[in-house]
Amino acid sequence: MIEILSWANLGTTAGVSAAVITMTQVLKHYLTKVDPKWIALALSMFITIAHQFVVGDYSWGAFALSALNAIMSAGTAIGGYEMFVKPAVQQKL
């Protein structure tokens, strides 16, 4: 059985980006007054910081690196949406 949302997968940039794209698409319908890019950044920060707690590395350097990885993952998620999902939705209309 393939585990897509395992903690090991969420420790990678691609795993975080995939989870952020999916969750942002759901949450943006409920948080209509918030820009989806901020939702993506907040989710990315939450996932990467939560991963640090699960792994058990509580050093300041690990959390600083998690914050940088969160920014990179949010950028990847936003870029992936803008590049692939948005044109496909617009073409459907």
Protein backbone atom coordinates (compact mmCIF):
# COMPACT_ATOMS: atom_id res chain seq x y z
CA MET A 1 0.00 0.00 0.00
CA ILE A 2 1.35 3.42 -0.95
CA GLU A 3 1.14 6.04 1.77
CA ILE A 4 0.91 9.46 0.17
CA LEU A 5 0.49 11.49 3.34
CA SER A 6 3.05 9.80 5.58
CA TRP A 7 5.34 11.84 7.83
CA ALA A 8 8.33 10.75 5.77
CA ASN A 9 6.70 12.15 2.62
CA LEU A 10 5.68 15.36 4.37
CA GLY A 11 9.34 15.86 5.21
CA THR A 12 10.07 16.53 1.54
CA THR A 13 9.40 19.72 -0.39
CA ALA A 14 7.27 17.86 -2.92
CA GLY A 15 5.19 16.23 -0.19
CA VAL A 16 4.54 19.50 1.60
CA SER A 17 3.73 21.25 -1.69
CA ALA A 18 1.24 18.56 -2.71
CA ALA A 19 -0.48 18.68 0.67
CA VAL A 20 -0.54 22.49 0.64
CA ILE A 21 -2.06 22.66 -2.87
CA THR A 22 -4.80 20.23 -1.87
CA MET A 23 -5.63 21.83 1.47
CA THR A 24 -5.51 25.37 0.08
CA GLN A 25 -8.04 24.49 -2.60
CA VAL A 26 -10.40 23.26 0.09
CA LEU A 27 -9.84 26.07 2.58
CA LYS A 28 -10.08 28.93 0.08
CA HIS A 29 -13.82 28.21 -0.30
CA TYR A 30 -14.31 28.69 3.44
CA LEU A 31 -11.88 31.60 3.93
CA THR A 32 -13.10 33.77 1.08
CA LYS A 33 -11.67 37.03 2.41
CA VAL A 34 -8.11 35.68 2.70
CA ASP A 35 -5.76 35.53 -0.28
CA PRO A 36 -5.06 31.84 -1.07
CA LYS A 37 -1.32 32.60 -1.19
CA TRP A 38 -1.39 33.47 2.52
CA ILE A 39 -3.36 30.31 3.23
CA ALA A 40 -0.70 28.30 1.39
CA LEU A 41 2.10 29.93 3.38
CA ALA A 42 0.35 29.35 6.72
CA LEU A 43 -0.35 25.71 5.88
CA SER A 44 3.20 25.19 4.71
CA MET A 45 4.56 26.68 7.95
CA PHE A 46 2.24 24.54 10.02
CA ILE A 47 3.16 21.31 8.23
CA THR A 48 6.91 21.86 8.33
CA ILE A 49 6.90 22.91 12.01
CA ALA A 50 4.66 19.94 12.89
CA HIS A 51 7.10 17.68 11.06
CA GLN A 52 9.92 18.98 13.26
CA PHE A 53 7.92 18.08 16.36
CA VAL A 54 7.20 14.59 15.02
CA VAL A 55 10.85 14.01 14.12
CA GLY A 56 11.88 15.25 17.55
CA ASP A 57 14.50 17.81 16.54
CA TYR A 58 13.86 20.82 18.78
CA SER A 59 16.95 22.88 17.99
CA TRP A 60 16.68 26.50 16.82
CA GLY A 61 18.56 25.66 13.65
CA ALA A 62 16.05 22.96 12.75
CA PHE A 63 13.12 25.33 13.22
CA ALA A 64 14.85 28.06 11.20
CA LEU A 65 15.48 25.59 8.41
CA SER A 66 11.84 24.48 8.63
CA ALA A 67 10.71 28.09 8.19
CA LEU A 68 12.89 28.46 5.09
CA ASN A 69 11.62 25.14 3.74
CA ALA A 70 8.06 26.29 4.38
CA ILE A 71 8.60 29.42 2.30
CA MET A 72 10.10 27.33 -0.50
CA SER A 73 7.29 24.78 -0.31
CA ALA A 74 4.63 27.50 -0.36
CA GLY A 75 6.29 29.04 -3.41
CA THR A 76 6.36 25.66 -5.10
CA ALA A 77 2.69 25.07 -4.27
CA ILE A 78 1.65 28.51 -5.52
CA GLY A 79 3.73 28.13 -8.68
CA GLY A 80 2.36 24.65 -9.32
CA TYR A 81 -1.18 25.92 -9.00
CA GLU A 82 -0.53 28.91 -11.27
CA MET A 83 1.26 26.76 -13.86
CA PHE A 84 -0.93 23.66 -14.04
CA VAL A 85 -4.24 23.89 -12.20
CA LYS A 86 -5.35 27.45 -13.00
CA PRO A 87 -4.90 27.12 -16.81
CA ALA A 88 -6.74 23.80 -16.81
CA VAL A 89 -9.67 25.30 -14.90
CA GLN A 90 -9.76 28.37 -17.16
CA GLN A 91 -9.64 26.21 -20.28
CA LYS A 92 -12.63 24.23 -19.00
CA LEU A 93 -14.68 27.40 -18.71
